[in-house]
Amino acid sequence: MNKTELVNAIAHGAGVTKSVAGSVLDVFMDTIIHGLKRGDQIVLPGFGSFSTGNRSARTGRNPQTGATIQIKASRVAKFKAGKKLKEAVQRG
């Protein structure tokens, strides 16, 4: 499902226009991004939680040349699925 399909599903499910659904989705994503930039953890009970973590510097390999390269340490976004989401996916 891409963003357009998600907006359509939200609009249909909530009984609002696609424009309103798209705006709500954009604000939702922006809010999560800004929270993660501040280092906040965003918890949606039953669905999951968004957080950040630190990835250590490491030695990697260029897949085209095989040359060894140094990959810098970085801050990454993480998502951990909640219990209800995990159960729903397992049931199919």
N, C-alpha and C. Protein backbone atom coordinates (compact mmCIF):
# COMPACT_ATOMS: atom_id res chain seq x y z
N MET A 1 0.85 -1.17 0.00
CA MET A 1 0.00 0.00 0.00
C MET A 1 0.90 1.23 0.00
N ASN A 2 0.66 2.14 -0.95
CA ASN A 2 1.44 3.37 -1.00
C ASN A 2 0.67 4.49 -0.29
N LYS A 3 1.24 5.69 -0.27
CA LYS A 3 0.63 6.79 0.46
C LYS A 3 -0.74 7.16 -0.09
N THR A 4 -0.89 7.18 -1.40
CA THR A 4 -2.18 7.52 -2.01
C THR A 4 -3.25 6.52 -1.59
N GLU A 5 -2.91 5.25 -1.62
CA GLU A 5 -3.87 4.22 -1.20
C GLU A 5 -4.21 4.34 0.28
N LEU A 6 -3.22 4.68 1.10
CA LEU A 6 -3.45 4.88 2.52
C LEU A 6 -4.38 6.06 2.76
N VAL A 7 -4.14 7.16 2.06
CA VAL A 7 -5.00 8.35 2.18
C VAL A 7 -6.43 7.99 1.78
N ASN A 8 -6.59 7.25 0.69
CA ASN A 8 -7.93 6.84 0.25
C ASN A 8 -8.62 5.98 1.31
N ALA A 9 -7.89 5.05 1.92
CA ALA A 9 -8.46 4.18 2.94
C ALA A 9 -8.87 4.98 4.18
N ILE A 10 -8.03 5.94 4.58
CA ILE A 10 -8.35 6.78 5.74
C ILE A 10 -9.58 7.62 5.44
N ALA A 11 -9.63 8.22 4.26
CA ALA A 11 -10.77 9.06 3.87
C ALA A 11 -12.06 8.25 3.90
N HIS A 12 -12.02 7.06 3.34
CA HIS A 12 -13.21 6.21 3.29
C HIS A 12 -13.62 5.78 4.70
N GLY A 13 -12.65 5.34 5.50
CA GLY A 13 -12.93 4.85 6.85
C GLY A 13 -13.43 5.92 7.80
N ALA A 14 -12.91 7.14 7.65
CA ALA A 14 -13.28 8.24 8.55
C ALA A 14 -14.42 9.08 8.00
N GLY A 15 -14.80 8.85 6.74
CA GLY A 15 -15.87 9.63 6.15
C GLY A 15 -15.50 11.08 5.92
N VAL A 16 -14.24 11.31 5.54
CA VAL A 16 -13.76 12.66 5.24
C VAL A 16 -13.23 12.70 3.81
N THR A 17 -12.93 13.89 3.34
CA THR A 17 -12.39 14.01 1.99
C THR A 17 -10.95 13.51 1.95
N LYS A 18 -10.49 13.20 0.75
CA LYS A 18 -9.10 12.77 0.57
C LYS A 18 -8.14 13.88 0.98
N SER A 19 -8.53 15.12 0.73
CA SER A 19 -7.70 16.26 1.09
C SER A 19 -7.50 16.33 2.60
N VAL A 20 -8.58 16.17 3.35
CA VAL A 20 -8.49 16.19 4.82
C VAL A 20 -7.66 15.00 5.30
N ALA A 21 -7.93 13.83 4.76
CA ALA A 21 -7.18 12.63 5.16
C ALA A 21 -5.69 12.79 4.86
N GLY A 22 -5.35 13.36 3.70
CA GLY A 22 -3.96 13.59 3.34
C GLY A 22 -3.29 14.57 4.28
N SER A 23 -4.00 15.63 4.64
CA SER A 23 -3.45 16.62 5.57
C SER A 23 -3.21 16.01 6.94
N VAL A 24 -4.16 15.21 7.41
CA VAL A 24 -4.00 14.56 8.72
C VAL A 24 -2.81 13.61 8.70
N LEU A 25 -2.66 12.84 7.64
CA LEU A 25 -1.53 11.92 7.53
C LEU A 25 -0.21 12.68 7.50
N ASP A 26 -0.15 13.79 6.76
CA ASP A 26 1.07 14.60 6.70
C ASP A 26 1.43 15.15 8.07
N VAL A 27 0.44 15.67 8.80
CA VAL A 27 0.69 16.21 10.14
C VAL A 27 1.13 15.10 11.09
N PHE A 28 0.51 13.94 10.98
CA PHE A 28 0.88 12.78 11.80
C PHE A 28 2.35 12.42 11.58
N MET A 29 2.75 12.29 10.33
CA MET A 29 4.14 11.93 10.02
C MET A 29 5.11 13.03 10.47
N ASP A 30 4.77 14.30 10.23
CA ASP A 30 5.63 15.40 10.66
C ASP A 30 5.80 15.42 12.17
N THR A 31 4.72 15.14 12.90
CA THR A 31 4.77 15.13 14.36
C THR A 31 5.71 14.03 14.85
N ILE A 32 5.64 12.87 14.25
CA ILE A 32 6.54 11.77 14.63
C ILE A 32 7.98 12.15 14.31
N ILE A 33 8.22 12.72 13.15
CA ILE A 33 9.58 13.12 12.76
C ILE A 33 10.14 14.14 13.73
N HIS A 34 9.37 15.17 14.06
CA HIS A 34 9.85 16.21 14.98
C HIS A 34 10.11 15.63 16.38
N GLY A 35 9.25 14.72 16.82
CA GLY A 35 9.46 14.08 18.12
C GLY A 35 10.74 13.26 18.14
N LEU A 36 10.99 12.51 17.08
CA LEU A 36 12.21 11.71 17.01
C LEU A 36 13.45 12.59 16.94
N LYS A 37 13.36 13.71 16.23
CA LYS A 37 14.50 14.63 16.17
C LYS A 37 14.86 15.16 17.56
N ARG A 38 13.84 15.35 18.42
CA ARG A 38 14.06 15.82 19.79
C ARG A 38 14.53 14.70 20.71
N GLY A 39 14.47 13.46 20.22
CA GLY A 39 14.86 12.33 21.05
C GLY A 39 13.70 11.71 21.81
N ASP A 40 12.47 12.13 21.51
CA ASP A 40 11.30 11.58 22.17
C ASP A 40 11.02 10.17 21.69
N GLN A 41 10.31 9.41 22.52
CA GLN A 41 9.76 8.12 22.11
C GLN A 41 8.27 8.34 21.91
N ILE A 42 7.74 7.91 20.78
CA ILE A 42 6.32 8.06 20.48
C ILE A 42 5.68 6.69 20.63
N VAL A 43 4.73 6.58 21.56
CA VAL A 43 4.10 5.30 21.86
C VAL A 43 2.63 5.36 21.47
N LEU A 44 2.22 4.41 20.63
CA LEU A 44 0.82 4.25 20.25
C LEU A 44 0.39 2.88 20.79
N PRO A 45 -0.25 2.85 21.98
CA PRO A 45 -0.57 1.58 22.63
C PRO A 45 -1.29 0.60 21.69
N GLY A 46 -0.81 -0.62 21.66
CA GLY A 46 -1.38 -1.66 20.82
C GLY A 46 -0.80 -1.67 19.41
N PHE A 47 -0.37 -0.51 18.93
CA PHE A 47 0.17 -0.43 17.57
C PHE A 47 1.68 -0.58 17.58
N GLY A 48 2.36 0.25 18.38
CA GLY A 48 3.82 0.16 18.45
C GLY A 48 4.43 1.45 18.94
N SER A 49 5.76 1.49 18.92
CA SER A 49 6.45 2.68 19.38
C SER A 49 7.59 3.03 18.43
N PHE A 50 7.77 4.33 18.26
CA PHE A 50 8.84 4.89 17.45
C PHE A 50 9.89 5.44 18.41
N SER A 51 11.16 5.20 18.12
CA SER A 51 12.24 5.73 18.94
C SER A 51 13.47 5.90 18.06
N THR A 52 14.53 6.40 18.67
CA THR A 52 15.80 6.52 17.95
C THR A 52 16.85 5.67 18.66
N GLY A 53 17.86 5.32 17.91
CA GLY A 53 18.98 4.57 18.47
C GLY A 53 20.26 5.00 17.79
N ASN A 54 21.35 4.60 18.36
CA ASN A 54 22.65 4.93 17.79
C ASN A 54 23.27 3.69 17.16
N ARG A 55 23.73 3.85 15.95
CA ARG A 55 24.41 2.76 15.25
C ARG A 55 25.91 3.09 15.30
N SER A 56 26.69 2.17 15.78
CA SER A 56 28.13 2.38 15.93
C SER A 56 28.83 2.45 14.57
N ALA A 57 29.98 3.11 14.57
CA ALA A 57 30.82 3.12 13.37
C ALA A 57 31.30 1.70 13.12
N ARG A 58 31.48 1.36 11.87
CA ARG A 58 31.91 0.01 11.54
C ARG A 58 32.65 -0.01 10.21
N THR A 59 33.30 -1.11 9.96
CA THR A 59 33.99 -1.32 8.70
C THR A 59 33.03 -2.06 7.77
N GLY A 60 32.89 -1.55 6.55
CA GLY A 60 32.02 -2.17 5.56
C GLY A 60 32.79 -2.47 4.29
N ARG A 61 32.08 -2.90 3.28
CA ARG A 61 32.71 -3.24 2.02
C ARG A 61 31.87 -2.67 0.88
N ASN A 62 32.54 -2.02 -0.07
CA ASN A 62 31.86 -1.51 -1.26
C ASN A 62 31.48 -2.72 -2.11
N PRO A 63 30.18 -2.94 -2.35
CA PRO A 63 29.77 -4.14 -3.09
C PRO A 63 30.23 -4.16 -4.55
N GLN A 64 30.50 -2.99 -5.14
CA GLN A 64 30.93 -2.96 -6.54
C GLN A 64 32.42 -3.24 -6.69
N THR A 65 33.22 -2.69 -5.77
CA THR A 65 34.67 -2.83 -5.91
C THR A 65 35.28 -3.83 -4.93
N GLY A 66 34.56 -4.11 -3.85
CA GLY A 66 35.10 -4.99 -2.82
C GLY A 66 36.03 -4.28 -1.87
N ALA A 67 36.23 -2.96 -2.07
CA ALA A 67 37.13 -2.20 -1.21
C ALA A 67 36.52 -2.02 0.19
N THR A 68 37.40 -2.05 1.19
CA THR A 68 36.97 -1.83 2.57
C THR A 68 36.75 -0.34 2.78
N ILE A 69 35.64 0.00 3.45
CA ILE A 69 35.34 1.41 3.74
C ILE A 69 34.92 1.54 5.19
N GLN A 70 35.09 2.74 5.72
CA GLN A 70 34.65 3.04 7.08
C GLN A 70 33.27 3.68 7.02
N ILE A 71 32.32 3.11 7.74
CA ILE A 71 30.97 3.66 7.81
C ILE A 71 30.86 4.41 9.13
N LYS A 72 30.46 5.68 9.06
CA LYS A 72 30.38 6.52 10.25
C LYS A 72 29.24 6.08 11.17
N ALA A 73 29.38 6.43 12.44
CA ALA A 73 28.31 6.21 13.40
C ALA A 73 27.13 7.09 12.99
N SER A 74 25.92 6.62 13.26
CA SER A 74 24.75 7.41 12.88
C SER A 74 23.61 7.17 13.86
N ARG A 75 22.67 8.09 13.84
CA ARG A 75 21.46 7.99 14.64
C ARG A 75 20.36 7.49 13.71
N VAL A 76 19.62 6.47 14.13
CA VAL A 76 18.61 5.86 13.26
C VAL A 76 17.25 5.83 13.95
N ALA A 77 16.21 5.82 13.13
CA ALA A 77 14.84 5.67 13.63
C ALA A 77 14.55 4.19 13.80
N LYS A 78 13.78 3.87 14.85
CA LYS A 78 13.40 2.48 15.11
C LYS A 78 11.89 2.41 15.30
N PHE A 79 11.32 1.26 14.97
CA PHE A 79 9.91 1.01 15.25
C PHE A 79 9.79 -0.37 15.86
N LYS A 80 9.07 -0.46 16.97
CA LYS A 80 8.82 -1.75 17.61
C LYS A 80 7.32 -1.97 17.60
N ALA A 81 6.88 -3.04 16.95
CA ALA A 81 5.46 -3.34 16.85
C ALA A 81 4.88 -3.69 18.21
N GLY A 82 3.65 -3.23 18.45
CA GLY A 82 2.94 -3.54 19.68
C GLY A 82 2.26 -4.90 19.61
N LYS A 83 1.75 -5.34 20.75
CA LYS A 83 1.15 -6.67 20.86
C LYS A 83 -0.03 -6.86 19.90
N LYS A 84 -0.95 -5.90 19.86
CA LYS A 84 -2.13 -6.04 18.99
C LYS A 84 -1.73 -6.11 17.52
N LEU A 85 -0.75 -5.30 17.12
CA LEU A 85 -0.29 -5.32 15.73
C LEU A 85 0.35 -6.66 15.40
N LYS A 86 1.20 -7.16 16.29
CA LYS A 86 1.85 -8.45 16.07
C LYS A 86 0.82 -9.57 15.93
N GLU A 87 -0.17 -9.56 16.83
CA GLU A 87 -1.21 -10.60 16.78
C GLU A 87 -2.03 -10.52 15.51
N ALA A 88 -2.37 -9.31 15.08
CA ALA A 88 -3.17 -9.13 13.86
C ALA A 88 -2.42 -9.64 12.64
N VAL A 89 -1.12 -9.38 12.58
CA VAL A 89 -0.31 -9.83 11.44
C VAL A 89 -0.19 -11.35 11.45
N GLN A 90 -0.03 -11.94 12.62
CA GLN A 90 0.09 -13.40 12.72
C GLN A 90 -1.19 -14.10 12.29
N ARG A 91 -2.35 -13.50 12.61
CA ARG A 91 -3.63 -14.09 12.23
C ARG A 91 -3.90 -13.97 10.73
N GLY A 92 -3.27 -12.97 10.12
CA GLY A 92 -3.43 -12.78 8.68
C GLY A 92 -4.63 -12.10 8.30
